[in-house]
């Protein structure tokens, strides 16, 4: 790979991690961003850069954690507005766990976030295609790979137990993360799995890689805490 591209990607990763960390710090001191109010209608088109997109995504999580959600774009008027088209500012690859609803935990509404979900937040050809559509065609400017604490898919892969049906097909996608963590501790493997899946997105999708090089997209990582609601940065 071109050295300039590697440097550029590294800078993008550090910039993304910095934004995530700053957003997390705001939650820690109980200071939720006040850029939106309940009466406001959030326009995703107002976000023009990947940095703005990531900042808004994490600002929404800060509001959620602080109990100051504004629920933008959840009205019937907004529902009707997005019938003919959608322009989500963010794309999220998350676990299918029922306790991890991205639109809610990021305090977003109809047409704001393009969400793909699979147990273990794994990357498959079908999900790559979906996320390419969300970023290249629909224009999402941040792609968040998000794991969560207590992930059953990760736990099952670590254990390697026999399971019925097609459940074990998940194992091969998560096993690379297990192999990278000597302790095999659940939360450490969960974080590593976020890194593995984000890396796979960048290396398996020429579309995603090109968008990152063109500074039209940033790939970010995070882990959602089921107990606190907070999304913590994972460097990817």
C-alpha atoms as a PDB file:
ATOM      1  CA  UNK A   1       0.000   0.000   0.000  1.00  0.00           C
ATOM      2  CA  UNK A   2       1.161   3.533  -0.713  1.00  0.00           C
ATOM      3  CA  UNK A   3       2.982   5.077   2.269  1.00  0.00           C
ATOM      4  CA  UNK A   4       1.120   8.364   1.845  1.00  0.00           C
ATOM      5  CA  UNK A   5      -2.166   6.487   2.036  1.00  0.00           C
ATOM      6  CA  UNK A   6      -1.021   4.681   5.183  1.00  0.00           C
ATOM      7  CA  UNK A   7      -0.056   7.974   6.794  1.00  0.00           C
ATOM      8  CA  UNK A   8      -3.295   9.582   5.719  1.00  0.00           C
ATOM      9  CA  UNK A   9      -5.324   6.681   7.093  1.00  0.00           C
ATOM     10  CA  UNK A  10      -3.406   6.811  10.366  1.00  0.00           C
ATOM     11  CA  UNK A  11      -4.175  10.504  10.731  1.00  0.00           C
ATOM     12  CA  UNK A  12      -7.848   9.815  10.014  1.00  0.00           C
ATOM     13  CA  UNK A  13      -7.914   7.133  12.705  1.00  0.00           C
ATOM     14  CA  UNK A  14      -6.300   9.422  15.276  1.00  0.00           C
ATOM     15  CA  UNK A  15      -8.708  12.222  14.393  1.00  0.00           C
ATOM     16  CA  UNK A  16     -11.675   9.880  14.782  1.00  0.00           C
ATOM     17  CA  UNK A  17     -10.407   8.539  18.102  1.00  0.00           C
ATOM     18  CA  UNK A  18      -9.835  12.081  19.360  1.00  0.00           C
ATOM     19  CA  UNK A  19     -13.411  13.061  18.599  1.00  0.00           C
ATOM     20  CA  UNK A  20     -14.712   9.941  20.318  1.00  0.00           C
ATOM     21  CA  UNK A  21     -12.588  10.608  23.390  1.00  0.00           C
ATOM     22  CA  UNK A  22     -13.721  14.220  23.642  1.00  0.00           C
ATOM     23  CA  UNK A  23     -17.345  13.163  23.416  1.00  0.00           C
ATOM     24  CA  UNK A  24     -16.780  10.586  26.144  1.00  0.00           C
ATOM     25  CA  UNK A  25     -15.180  13.207  28.365  1.00  0.00           C
ATOM     26  CA  UNK A  26     -18.285  15.360  28.054  1.00  0.00           C
ATOM     27  CA  UNK A  27     -20.366  12.486  29.387  1.00  0.00           C
ATOM     28  CA  UNK A  28     -17.968  11.859  32.252  1.00  0.00           C
ATOM     29  CA  UNK A  29     -18.442  15.361  33.627  1.00  0.00           C
ATOM     30  CA  UNK A  30     -22.188  15.315  33.014  1.00  0.00           C
ATOM     31  CA  UNK A  31     -22.051  17.971  30.323  1.00  0.00           C
ATOM     32  CA  UNK A  32     -24.297  16.986  27.422  1.00  0.00           C
ATOM     33  CA  UNK A  33     -23.936  19.032  24.232  1.00  0.00           C
ATOM     34  CA  UNK A  34     -26.630  21.666  23.897  1.00  0.00           C
ATOM     35  CA  UNK A  35     -26.621  22.100  20.132  1.00  0.00           C
ATOM     36  CA  UNK A  36     -30.128  20.686  19.733  1.00  0.00           C
ATOM     37  CA  UNK A  37     -33.360  21.390  21.562  1.00  0.00           C
ATOM     38  CA  UNK A  38     -36.591  19.425  21.624  1.00  0.00           C
ATOM     39  CA  UNK A  39     -38.279  21.861  19.246  1.00  0.00           C
ATOM     40  CA  UNK A  40     -35.477  21.704  16.693  1.00  0.00           C
ATOM     41  CA  UNK A  41     -35.531  19.660  13.510  1.00  0.00           C
ATOM     42  CA  UNK A  42     -32.123  18.220  12.787  1.00  0.00           C
ATOM     43  CA  UNK A  43     -31.101  18.354   9.127  1.00  0.00           C
ATOM     44  CA  UNK A  44     -28.501  15.686   8.238  1.00  0.00           C
ATOM     45  CA  UNK A  45     -27.668  17.712   5.127  1.00  0.00           C
ATOM     46  CA  UNK A  46     -26.093  20.323   7.404  1.00  0.00           C
ATOM     47  CA  UNK A  47     -23.272  17.871   8.106  1.00  0.00           C
ATOM     48  CA  UNK A  48     -20.682  18.187   5.364  1.00  0.00           C
ATOM     49  CA  UNK A  49     -17.543  16.500   6.749  1.00  0.00           C
ATOM     50  CA  UNK A  50     -16.702  13.153   8.371  1.00  0.00           C
ATOM     51  CA  UNK A  51     -15.516  15.008  11.461  1.00  0.00           C
ATOM     52  CA  UNK A  52     -18.881  16.730  11.862  1.00  0.00           C
ATOM     53  CA  UNK A  53     -20.686  13.434  11.332  1.00  0.00           C
ATOM     54  CA  UNK A  54     -18.723  11.618  14.030  1.00  0.00           C
ATOM     55  CA  UNK A  55     -19.077  14.553  16.411  1.00  0.00           C
ATOM     56  CA  UNK A  56     -22.871  14.600  15.974  1.00  0.00           C
ATOM     57  CA  UNK A  57     -23.132  10.851  16.433  1.00  0.00           C
ATOM     58  CA  UNK A  58     -21.204  11.010  19.695  1.00  0.00           C
ATOM     59  CA  UNK A  59     -22.999  14.152  20.838  1.00  0.00           C
ATOM     60  CA  UNK A  60     -26.207  12.178  20.518  1.00  0.00           C
ATOM     61  CA  UNK A  61     -24.778   9.431  22.723  1.00  0.00           C
ATOM     62  CA  UNK A  62     -23.696  12.047  25.244  1.00  0.00           C
ATOM     63  CA  UNK A  63     -27.264  13.353  25.369  1.00  0.00           C
ATOM     64  CA  UNK A  64     -28.573   9.814  25.787  1.00  0.00           C
ATOM     65  CA  UNK A  65     -26.223   9.016  28.681  1.00  0.00           C
ATOM     66  CA  UNK A  66     -26.964  12.325  30.395  1.00  0.00           C
ATOM     67  CA  UNK A  67     -30.728  11.797  30.116  1.00  0.00           C
ATOM     68  CA  UNK A  68     -31.112  14.851  27.889  1.00  0.00           C
ATOM     69  CA  UNK A  69     -32.301  13.260  24.669  1.00  0.00           C
ATOM     70  CA  UNK A  70     -34.146  15.454  22.214  1.00  0.00           C
ATOM     71  CA  UNK A  71     -35.328  12.725  19.863  1.00  0.00           C
ATOM     72  CA  UNK A  72     -34.798  14.712  16.656  1.00  0.00           C
ATOM     73  CA  UNK A  73     -36.612  13.707  13.501  1.00  0.00           C
ATOM     74  CA  UNK A  74     -39.031  11.258  15.121  1.00  0.00           C
ATOM     75  CA  UNK A  75     -42.250  13.052  14.226  1.00  0.00           C
ATOM     76  CA  UNK A  76     -44.871  11.933  11.717  1.00  0.00           C
ATOM     77  CA  UNK A  77     -43.911  14.961   9.642  1.00  0.00           C
ATOM     78  CA  UNK A  78     -40.330  13.687   9.448  1.00  0.00           C
ATOM     79  CA  UNK A  79     -41.566  10.187   8.628  1.00  0.00           C
ATOM     80  CA  UNK A  80     -43.416  11.572   5.614  1.00  0.00           C
ATOM     81  CA  UNK A  81     -40.503  13.820   4.642  1.00  0.00           C
ATOM     82  CA  UNK A  82     -38.130  10.900   4.127  1.00  0.00           C
ATOM     83  CA  UNK A  83     -40.558   8.726   2.144  1.00  0.00           C
ATOM     84  CA  UNK A  84     -39.121   9.757  -1.266  1.00  0.00           C
ATOM     85  CA  UNK A  85     -35.431   9.781  -0.307  1.00  0.00           C
ATOM     86  CA  UNK A  86     -32.880   9.363   2.466  1.00  0.00           C
ATOM     87  CA  UNK A  87     -29.551  11.044   3.199  1.00  0.00           C
ATOM     88  CA  UNK A  88     -28.253   9.530   6.469  1.00  0.00           C
ATOM     89  CA  UNK A  89     -25.187  11.294   7.826  1.00  0.00           C
ATOM     90  CA  UNK A  90     -23.860   8.160   9.563  1.00  0.00           C
ATOM     91  CA  UNK A  91     -23.673   4.409   8.980  1.00  0.00           C
ATOM     92  CA  UNK A  92     -23.431   1.967  11.882  1.00  0.00           C
ATOM     93  CA  UNK A  93     -22.501  -1.711  11.881  1.00  0.00           C
ATOM     94  CA  UNK A  94     -23.663  -3.073  15.218  1.00  0.00           C
ATOM     95  CA  UNK A  95     -24.613  -6.309  16.917  1.00  0.00           C
ATOM     96  CA  UNK A  96     -28.157  -7.606  16.469  1.00  0.00           C
ATOM     97  CA  UNK A  97     -28.630  -7.647  20.259  1.00  0.00           C
ATOM     98  CA  UNK A  98     -32.059  -6.245  21.170  1.00  0.00           C
ATOM     99  CA  UNK A  99     -30.481  -4.098  23.892  1.00  0.00           C
ATOM    100  CA  UNK A 100     -28.329  -2.163  21.419  1.00  0.00           C
ATOM    101  CA  UNK A 101     -30.605   0.028  19.232  1.00  0.00           C
ATOM    102  CA  UNK A 102     -28.285   2.512  17.449  1.00  0.00           C
ATOM    103  CA  UNK A 103     -30.925   5.148  16.650  1.00  0.00           C
ATOM    104  CA  UNK A 104     -31.920   5.359  20.316  1.00  0.00           C
ATOM    105  CA  UNK A 105     -28.483   5.280  21.937  1.00  0.00           C
ATOM    106  CA  UNK A 106     -27.201   7.914  19.485  1.00  0.00           C
ATOM    107  CA  UNK A 107     -30.400   9.994  19.894  1.00  0.00           C
ATOM    108  CA  UNK A 108     -31.239  10.122  16.194  1.00  0.00           C
ATOM    109  CA  UNK A 109     -34.417   9.747  14.140  1.00  0.00           C
ATOM    110  CA  UNK A 110     -35.916   8.761  10.804  1.00  0.00           C
ATOM    111  CA  UNK A 111     -33.417   9.041   7.958  1.00  0.00           C
ATOM    112  CA  UNK A 112     -30.432  10.014  10.115  1.00  0.00           C
ATOM    113  CA  UNK A 113     -28.530   6.737  10.516  1.00  0.00           C
ATOM    114  CA  UNK A 114     -28.029   3.864   8.071  1.00  0.00           C
ATOM    115  CA  UNK A 115     -27.910   0.777  10.296  1.00  0.00           C
ATOM    116  CA  UNK A 116     -26.659  -2.729   9.512  1.00  0.00           C
ATOM    117  CA  UNK A 117     -26.869  -5.339  12.257  1.00  0.00           C
ATOM    118  CA  UNK A 118     -25.565  -8.873  12.690  1.00  0.00           C
ATOM    119  CA  UNK A 119     -24.754 -10.931  15.773  1.00  0.00           C
ATOM    120  CA  UNK A 120     -21.197 -10.079  16.789  1.00  0.00           C
ATOM    121  CA  UNK A 121     -21.164  -7.006  14.502  1.00  0.00           C
ATOM    122  CA  UNK A 122     -19.430  -9.168  11.908  1.00  0.00           C
ATOM    123  CA  UNK A 123     -18.468  -8.194   8.373  1.00  0.00           C
ATOM    124  CA  UNK A 124     -19.779 -10.408   5.559  1.00  0.00           C
ATOM    125  CA  UNK A 125     -19.970  -9.760   1.801  1.00  0.00           C
ATOM    126  CA  UNK A 126     -23.653  -8.901   2.160  1.00  0.00           C
ATOM    127  CA  UNK A 127     -22.979  -6.391   4.910  1.00  0.00           C
ATOM    128  CA  UNK A 128     -20.060  -4.890   3.007  1.00  0.00           C
ATOM    129  CA  UNK A 129     -22.389  -4.331   0.063  1.00  0.00           C
ATOM    130  CA  UNK A 130     -24.995  -2.749   2.297  1.00  0.00           C
ATOM    131  CA  UNK A 131     -22.458  -0.419   3.909  1.00  0.00           C
ATOM    132  CA  UNK A 132     -21.011   0.505   0.517  1.00  0.00           C
ATOM    133  CA  UNK A 133     -24.523   1.533  -0.470  1.00  0.00           C
ATOM    134  CA  UNK A 134     -24.949   3.550   2.719  1.00  0.00           C
ATOM    135  CA  UNK A 135     -21.673   5.398   2.278  1.00  0.00           C
ATOM    136  CA  UNK A 136     -21.100   5.725  -1.467  1.00  0.00           C
ATOM    137  CA  UNK A 137     -24.697   6.054  -2.662  1.00  0.00           C
ATOM    138  CA  UNK A 138     -26.497   7.581   0.312  1.00  0.00           C
ATOM    139  CA  UNK A 139     -23.574   9.697   1.481  1.00  0.00           C
ATOM    140  CA  UNK A 140     -22.976   8.639   5.092  1.00  0.00           C
ATOM    141  CA  UNK A 141     -19.771  10.313   6.234  1.00  0.00           C
ATOM    142  CA  UNK A 142     -18.893   8.206   9.255  1.00  0.00           C
ATOM    143  CA  UNK A 143     -18.968   4.413   9.477  1.00  0.00           C
ATOM    144  CA  UNK A 144     -19.073   3.236  13.081  1.00  0.00           C
ATOM    145  CA  UNK A 145     -18.312  -0.397  13.916  1.00  0.00           C
ATOM    146  CA  UNK A 146     -19.865  -0.912  17.329  1.00  0.00           C
ATOM    147  CA  UNK A 147     -19.584  -3.869  19.672  1.00  0.00           C
ATOM    148  CA  UNK A 148     -21.086  -4.065  23.152  1.00  0.00           C
ATOM    149  CA  UNK A 149     -20.332  -5.432  26.586  1.00  0.00           C
ATOM    150  CA  UNK A 150     -21.569  -8.918  27.373  1.00  0.00           C
ATOM    151  CA  UNK A 151     -21.810  -9.903  23.702  1.00  0.00           C
ATOM    152  CA  UNK A 152     -23.227 -13.415  23.450  1.00  0.00           C
ATOM    153  CA  UNK A 153     -21.750 -14.060  20.009  1.00  0.00           C
ATOM    154  CA  UNK A 154     -18.259 -13.208  21.212  1.00  0.00           C
ATOM    155  CA  UNK A 155     -18.748 -15.241  24.388  1.00  0.00           C
ATOM    156  CA  UNK A 156     -19.898 -18.271  22.390  1.00  0.00           C
ATOM    157  CA  UNK A 157     -16.922 -18.016  20.044  1.00  0.00           C
ATOM    158  CA  UNK A 158     -14.498 -17.924  22.969  1.00  0.00           C
ATOM    159  CA  UNK A 159     -16.143 -21.013  24.468  1.00  0.00           C
ATOM    160  CA  UNK A 160     -16.335 -22.804  21.123  1.00  0.00           C
ATOM    161  CA  UNK A 161     -19.196 -24.978  22.291  1.00  0.00           C
ATOM    162  CA  UNK A 162     -21.387 -26.936  19.899  1.00  0.00           C
ATOM    163  CA  UNK A 163     -24.595 -25.041  19.135  1.00  0.00           C
ATOM    164  CA  UNK A 164     -27.695 -25.904  17.093  1.00  0.00           C
ATOM    165  CA  UNK A 165     -28.559 -24.750  13.600  1.00  0.00           C
ATOM    166  CA  UNK A 166     -26.409 -22.157  11.855  1.00  0.00           C
ATOM    167  CA  UNK A 167     -25.316 -20.269  14.983  1.00  0.00           C
ATOM    168  CA  UNK A 168     -21.774 -21.621  14.770  1.00  0.00           C
ATOM    169  CA  UNK A 169     -21.295 -19.931  11.380  1.00  0.00           C
ATOM    170  CA  UNK A 170     -20.652 -16.767  13.384  1.00  0.00           C
ATOM    171  CA  UNK A 171     -17.563 -18.279  14.994  1.00  0.00           C
ATOM    172  CA  UNK A 172     -15.250 -18.059  11.996  1.00  0.00           C
ATOM    173  CA  UNK A 173     -15.851 -14.318  11.706  1.00  0.00           C
ATOM    174  CA  UNK A 174     -15.043 -13.634  15.363  1.00  0.00           C
ATOM    175  CA  UNK A 175     -12.283 -16.229  15.877  1.00  0.00           C
ATOM    176  CA  UNK A 176      -9.519 -13.937  14.515  1.00  0.00           C
ATOM    177  CA  UNK A 177     -10.221 -11.556  17.405  1.00  0.00           C
ATOM    178  CA  UNK A 178     -10.142 -14.422  19.920  1.00  0.00           C
ATOM    179  CA  UNK A 179      -6.793 -15.562  18.534  1.00  0.00           C
ATOM    180  CA  UNK A 180      -5.327 -12.089  19.018  1.00  0.00           C
ATOM    181  CA  UNK A 181      -6.162 -11.868  22.736  1.00  0.00           C
ATOM    182  CA  UNK A 182      -4.055 -14.157  24.924  1.00  0.00           C
ATOM    183  CA  UNK A 183      -6.267 -13.712  27.987  1.00  0.00           C
ATOM    184  CA  UNK A 184      -9.443 -14.578  26.040  1.00  0.00           C
ATOM    185  CA  UNK A 185     -11.193 -12.141  28.373  1.00  0.00           C
ATOM    186  CA  UNK A 186     -14.644 -11.271  27.003  1.00  0.00           C
ATOM    187  CA  UNK A 187     -14.436  -7.487  26.917  1.00  0.00           C
ATOM    188  CA  UNK A 188     -10.874  -7.510  25.567  1.00  0.00           C
ATOM    189  CA  UNK A 189     -11.940  -9.826  22.747  1.00  0.00           C
ATOM    190  CA  UNK A 190     -14.991  -7.626  22.120  1.00  0.00           C
ATOM    191  CA  UNK A 191     -12.747  -4.593  21.611  1.00  0.00           C
ATOM    192  CA  UNK A 192     -10.402  -6.575  19.381  1.00  0.00           C
ATOM    193  CA  UNK A 193     -13.357  -7.805  17.350  1.00  0.00           C
ATOM    194  CA  UNK A 194     -14.316  -4.185  16.639  1.00  0.00           C
ATOM    195  CA  UNK A 195     -10.787  -3.607  15.333  1.00  0.00           C
ATOM    196  CA  UNK A 196     -10.824  -6.792  13.256  1.00  0.00           C
ATOM    197  CA  UNK A 197     -14.167  -6.001  11.628  1.00  0.00           C
ATOM    198  CA  UNK A 198     -13.229  -2.361  10.948  1.00  0.00           C
ATOM    199  CA  UNK A 199      -9.958  -3.469   9.391  1.00  0.00           C
ATOM    200  CA  UNK A 200     -11.813  -6.000   7.260  1.00  0.00           C
ATOM    201  CA  UNK A 201     -14.143  -3.279   5.999  1.00  0.00           C
ATOM    202  CA  UNK A 202     -11.214  -1.127   4.920  1.00  0.00           C
ATOM    203  CA  UNK A 203      -9.264  -3.945   3.285  1.00  0.00           C
ATOM    204  CA  UNK A 204     -12.139  -5.866   1.693  1.00  0.00           C
ATOM    205  CA  UNK A 205     -14.017  -2.902   0.278  1.00  0.00           C
ATOM    206  CA  UNK A 206     -12.301  -0.774  -2.369  1.00  0.00           C
ATOM    207  CA  UNK A 207     -15.288   1.567  -2.065  1.00  0.00           C
ATOM    208  CA  UNK A 208     -14.743   2.200   1.649  1.00  0.00           C
ATOM    209  CA  UNK A 209     -10.975   2.465   1.198  1.00  0.00           C
ATOM    210  CA  UNK A 210     -11.341   5.049  -1.571  1.00  0.00           C
ATOM    211  CA  UNK A 211     -13.841   7.128   0.400  1.00  0.00           C
ATOM    212  CA  UNK A 212     -11.407   7.190   3.327  1.00  0.00           C
ATOM    213  CA  UNK A 213      -8.531   8.219   1.051  1.00  0.00           C
ATOM    214  CA  UNK A 214     -10.683  10.961  -0.451  1.00  0.00           C
ATOM    215  CA  UNK A 215     -11.495  12.212   3.078  1.00  0.00           C
ATOM    216  CA  UNK A 216     -15.196  11.656   2.426  1.00  0.00           C
ATOM    217  CA  UNK A 217     -15.513   8.999   5.130  1.00  0.00           C
ATOM    218  CA  UNK A 218     -14.011   8.100   8.477  1.00  0.00           C
ATOM    219  CA  UNK A 219     -14.190   4.574   9.905  1.00  0.00           C
ATOM    220  CA  UNK A 220     -14.559   4.636  13.679  1.00  0.00           C
ATOM    221  CA  UNK A 221     -14.915   2.018  16.387  1.00  0.00           C
ATOM    222  CA  UNK A 222     -16.692   1.872  19.705  1.00  0.00           C
ATOM    223  CA  UNK A 223     -18.070  -0.416  22.387  1.00  0.00           C
ATOM    224  CA  UNK A 224     -21.487   0.222  23.902  1.00  0.00           C
ATOM    225  CA  UNK A 225     -21.792  -0.426  27.634  1.00  0.00           C
ATOM    226  CA  UNK A 226     -25.097  -2.138  28.394  1.00  0.00           C
ATOM    227  CA  UNK A 227     -25.005  -0.890  31.992  1.00  0.00           C
ATOM    228  CA  UNK A 228     -24.265   2.799  31.374  1.00  0.00           C
ATOM    229  CA  UNK A 229     -25.392   3.481  27.800  1.00  0.00           C
ATOM    230  CA  UNK A 230     -22.049   4.994  26.961  1.00  0.00           C
ATOM    231  CA  UNK A 231     -20.166   4.315  23.724  1.00  0.00           C
ATOM    232  CA  UNK A 232     -16.426   4.191  24.417  1.00  0.00           C
ATOM    233  CA  UNK A 233     -13.851   4.744  21.692  1.00  0.00           C
ATOM    234  CA  UNK A 234     -11.896   1.860  20.222  1.00  0.00           C
ATOM    235  CA  UNK A 235      -8.961   2.783  18.008  1.00  0.00           C
ATOM    236  CA  UNK A 236      -9.372   1.050  14.681  1.00  0.00           C
END
